Amino acid sequence: MEDLAEAYRMLEDAKRLSPEEREVLNYFIESLSVGVVRAVKELKARGVQNPEEVIARLVEKGFVEDKGDCYNLAAPLRELVHRKGRVRV
């Protein structure tokens, strides 16, 4: 239950992200976990100019986890998606 409360707080915080950051966060909400190369390629195809930079900001802000060879949506948000289905920011 604590993870869900954290996830809802994170969604509130996401309202203050830039449009490009929200686009990338929504990508990770859809994908949950994706390899680094694939994420960059797919985000560029979606029109994100510098996906590596945007992802780094989302990692710094706690929305995305950098696992080295892949990126994961942060654990509280993953739990929310598993319980409630896909959400959008």
Protein backbone atom coordinates (compact mmCIF):
# COMPACT_ATOMS: atom_id res chain seq x y z
CA MET A 1 0.00 0.00 0.00
CA GLU A 2 2.92 2.32 0.72
CA ASP A 3 4.15 1.91 -2.87
CA LEU A 4 0.76 2.98 -4.20
CA ALA A 5 0.74 6.11 -2.07
CA GLU A 6 4.24 6.89 -3.34
CA ALA A 7 3.12 6.23 -6.92
CA TYR A 8 0.23 8.70 -6.62
CA ARG A 9 2.61 11.29 -5.14
CA MET A 10 4.94 10.69 -8.08
CA LEU A 11 2.08 11.19 -10.55
CA GLU A 12 1.32 14.53 -8.88
CA ASP A 13 4.99 15.49 -9.19
CA ALA A 14 4.94 14.43 -12.85
CA LYS A 15 2.50 17.25 -13.58
CA ARG A 16 5.45 19.64 -13.17
CA LEU A 17 7.61 17.85 -15.75
CA SER A 18 8.25 19.38 -19.14
CA PRO A 19 6.10 18.07 -22.02
CA GLU A 20 9.10 16.14 -23.36
CA GLU A 21 9.79 14.58 -19.95
CA ARG A 22 6.12 13.57 -19.68
CA GLU A 23 6.30 11.99 -23.14
CA VAL A 24 9.31 9.93 -22.09
CA LEU A 25 7.71 8.99 -18.76
CA ASN A 26 4.57 7.83 -20.60
CA TYR A 27 6.82 5.71 -22.83
CA PHE A 28 8.22 3.98 -19.73
CA ILE A 29 4.72 3.56 -18.29
CA GLU A 30 3.83 1.68 -21.48
CA SER A 31 7.07 -0.32 -21.59
CA LEU A 32 7.93 -0.74 -17.86
CA SER A 33 11.41 -2.08 -18.69
CA VAL A 34 13.35 -1.59 -21.90
CA GLY A 35 16.94 -1.92 -23.09
CA VAL A 36 19.02 1.24 -23.38
CA VAL A 37 19.58 1.04 -27.15
CA ARG A 38 15.95 0.24 -27.89
CA ALA A 39 14.66 3.02 -25.62
CA VAL A 40 16.83 5.64 -27.32
CA LYS A 41 15.86 4.43 -30.80
CA GLU A 42 12.13 4.32 -30.04
CA LEU A 43 12.11 7.69 -28.29
CA LYS A 44 13.91 9.31 -31.22
CA ALA A 45 11.23 7.81 -33.49
CA ARG A 46 8.65 9.52 -31.25
CA GLY A 47 10.34 12.86 -31.84
CA VAL A 48 12.34 13.19 -28.63
CA GLN A 49 15.41 15.22 -29.63
CA ASN A 50 17.88 13.99 -27.00
CA PRO A 51 16.42 10.93 -25.28
CA GLU A 52 19.58 10.18 -23.28
CA GLU A 53 19.42 13.61 -21.63
CA VAL A 54 15.70 13.39 -20.88
CA ILE A 55 16.06 9.86 -19.46
CA ALA A 56 18.96 11.04 -17.27
CA ARG A 57 16.75 13.81 -15.85
CA LEU A 58 13.96 11.31 -15.12
CA VAL A 59 16.46 8.99 -13.42
CA GLU A 60 17.71 11.91 -11.32
CA LYS A 61 14.12 12.80 -10.37
CA GLY A 62 13.35 9.18 -9.42
CA PHE A 63 10.80 8.34 -12.12
CA VAL A 64 13.04 5.89 -13.98
CA GLU A 65 15.70 3.46 -12.75
CA ASP A 66 18.96 3.01 -14.68
CA LYS A 67 20.00 -0.65 -14.43
CA GLY A 68 23.01 -0.33 -16.74
CA ASP A 69 21.80 -2.20 -19.80
CA CYS A 70 18.13 -1.34 -19.35
CA TYR A 71 15.83 1.26 -17.88
CA ASN A 72 12.88 0.45 -15.62
CA LEU A 73 9.93 2.53 -14.59
CA ALA A 74 10.38 3.32 -10.89
CA ALA A 75 9.12 0.55 -8.60
CA PRO A 76 6.13 2.43 -7.10
CA LEU A 77 4.88 3.35 -10.57
CA ARG A 78 5.39 -0.24 -11.81
CA GLU A 79 3.27 -1.45 -8.89
CA LEU A 80 0.55 1.06 -9.76
CA VAL A 81 0.53 -0.07 -13.40
CA HIS A 82 0.35 -3.73 -12.33
CA ARG A 83 -2.60 -3.03 -10.01
CA LYS A 84 -4.54 -0.36 -11.91
CA GLY A 85 -3.49 -0.75 -15.52
CA ARG A 86 -1.78 1.82 -17.64
CA VAL A 87 -1.86 5.43 -16.50
CA ARG A 88 -0.84 8.60 -18.33
CA VAL A 89 0.79 11.79 -17.14
